Protein backbone atom coordinates (compact mmCIF):
# COMPACT_ATOMS: atom_id res chain seq x y z
CA MET A 1 134.86 71.60 118.35
CA ILE A 2 132.98 74.89 117.75
CA LYS A 3 134.00 77.02 114.79
CA LYS A 4 134.58 80.61 115.89
CA ASN A 5 134.43 82.13 112.42
CA LYS A 6 131.01 80.84 111.53
CA LYS A 7 129.45 83.28 109.08
CA ARG A 8 125.94 84.46 110.00
CA ASP A 9 123.50 86.09 107.63
CA PHE A 10 121.87 89.08 109.26
CA GLU A 11 118.96 90.94 107.76
CA LYS A 12 118.40 94.64 108.34
CA ILE A 13 115.46 95.44 110.59
CA GLY A 14 114.09 97.89 108.02
CA SER A 15 113.68 95.19 105.40
CA ILE A 16 112.09 92.86 107.98
CA LEU A 17 109.57 95.57 108.96
CA GLU A 18 108.85 96.44 105.34
CA ARG A 19 108.16 92.81 104.48
CA THR A 20 106.02 92.32 107.60
CA ILE A 21 103.95 95.44 106.88
CA LYS A 22 103.38 94.27 103.32
CA ASN A 23 102.48 90.72 104.42
CA LEU A 24 99.97 92.07 106.94
CA GLY A 25 98.43 94.39 104.36
CA LEU A 26 99.17 97.51 106.39
CA GLU A 27 100.84 99.58 103.65
CA HIS A 28 97.71 101.55 102.81
CA GLN A 29 96.93 102.33 106.46
CA ILE A 30 100.47 103.51 107.11
CA GLU A 31 100.45 105.71 103.99
CA LYS A 32 97.16 107.26 105.12
CA GLU A 33 98.50 107.94 108.62
CA MET A 34 101.66 109.48 107.17
CA ILE A 35 99.55 111.84 105.04
CA PHE A 36 97.46 112.84 108.07
CA GLN A 37 100.66 113.49 110.08
CA VAL A 38 102.22 115.83 107.48
CA TRP A 39 98.98 117.60 106.44
CA LYS A 40 99.35 120.61 108.76
CA ASP A 41 103.00 121.13 107.83
CA VAL A 42 102.21 120.96 104.12
CA VAL A 43 99.15 123.24 104.02
CA GLY A 44 100.03 125.61 106.85
CA GLU A 45 98.20 126.69 109.99
CA GLU A 46 95.45 128.77 108.36
CA ILE A 47 94.34 126.17 105.81
CA ASN A 48 94.59 123.45 108.45
CA LYS A 49 92.02 125.31 110.56
CA HIS A 50 89.49 124.97 107.73
CA THR A 51 90.28 121.51 106.40
CA LYS A 52 90.51 117.93 107.54
CA PRO A 53 91.87 114.96 105.59
CA LEU A 54 89.29 112.18 105.90
CA SER A 55 90.46 109.18 103.91
CA LEU A 56 92.69 107.80 101.20
CA GLN A 57 90.89 105.68 98.62
CA LYS A 58 92.71 104.33 95.54
CA LYS A 59 95.29 107.14 95.76
CA MET A 60 92.49 109.72 96.07
CA LEU A 61 92.84 111.86 99.20
CA VAL A 62 89.42 112.98 100.45
CA VAL A 63 89.57 116.29 102.32
CA GLU A 64 86.72 118.04 104.09
CA VAL A 65 86.63 121.84 103.85
CA ASP A 66 84.38 124.03 105.97
CA SER A 67 83.16 126.45 103.29
CA PRO A 68 82.92 127.05 99.55
CA THR A 69 85.58 129.74 99.91
CA TRP A 70 88.11 127.26 101.29
CA ASN A 71 87.01 124.73 98.68
CA ASN A 72 87.99 127.21 95.96
CA GLU A 73 91.28 128.03 97.69
CA LEU A 74 92.27 124.38 97.96
CA ASN A 75 91.23 123.72 94.37
CA LEU A 76 93.85 126.28 93.37
CA GLN A 77 96.48 124.64 95.57
CA LYS A 78 95.68 120.92 95.00
CA LYS A 79 98.54 120.27 92.59
CA GLY A 80 101.15 121.79 94.91
CA ILE A 81 99.76 120.06 98.02
CA LYS A 82 99.76 116.68 96.26
CA LYS A 83 103.32 117.21 95.05
CA LYS A 84 104.61 118.22 98.52
CA ILE A 85 102.96 115.28 100.27
CA ASN A 86 104.31 112.79 97.73
CA GLN A 87 107.80 114.30 98.08
CA ILE A 88 107.74 114.13 101.88
CA ILE A 89 106.52 110.52 101.93
CA GLY A 90 108.93 109.55 99.17
CA LYS A 91 106.51 107.91 96.76
CA ASN A 92 103.34 108.71 94.84
CA VAL A 93 100.70 107.94 97.45
CA ILE A 94 98.29 110.63 96.18
CA LYS A 95 97.13 110.82 92.59
CA ASP A 96 94.38 113.39 93.20
CA ILE A 97 92.61 115.29 95.98
CA TYR A 98 88.82 115.27 96.28
CA LEU A 99 87.37 118.20 98.24
CA LYS A 100 84.15 117.78 100.16
CA ILE A 101 82.32 120.71 101.73
CA GLY A 102 81.14 119.73 105.17
CA SER A 103 80.94 120.91 108.72
CA ARG A 104 84.02 120.78 110.86
CA ASP A 105 83.87 119.76 114.51
CA VAL A 106 81.47 122.27 116.08
CA SER A 107 83.29 122.06 119.41
CA SER A 108 86.27 123.79 117.80
CA TYR A 109 84.26 126.99 117.26
CA TRP A 110 83.45 129.61 119.86
CA PHE A 111 80.34 131.72 119.51
CA PRO A 112 80.68 134.95 121.50
CA ASN A 113 77.59 136.73 122.82
CA CYS A 114 75.44 133.58 122.67
CA ASP A 115 74.03 131.83 125.72
CA PHE A 116 72.30 129.01 123.89
CA TYR A 117 73.43 127.05 120.85
CA ARG A 118 71.07 125.15 118.63
CA PHE A 119 72.28 122.96 115.81
CA ASN A 120 69.94 121.07 113.52
């Protein structure tokens, strides 16, 4: 005879996913992707045009900026940006932000009045 009131232990899918992500060692990658996803919303359209988050290494977010001017601007805003990102993600994934002056994707710029472009 089959018992109809057999008690089953169910586990929530969220806890299964969390455990699986941890077991596969994907926590860091997911945190990095979450930061990249919220970057534009946190810094705003104008700063986003001049910056690009590159990597997350030992809770250090590495961000490329396209000029010394934007480097200075982000230096002034680092504490607030870090705080907002950590709040959105819900844990302290960023301890500090390292700014690196570099060249952004050249294809995103338009040079009017030029027929030939030469980049060294």
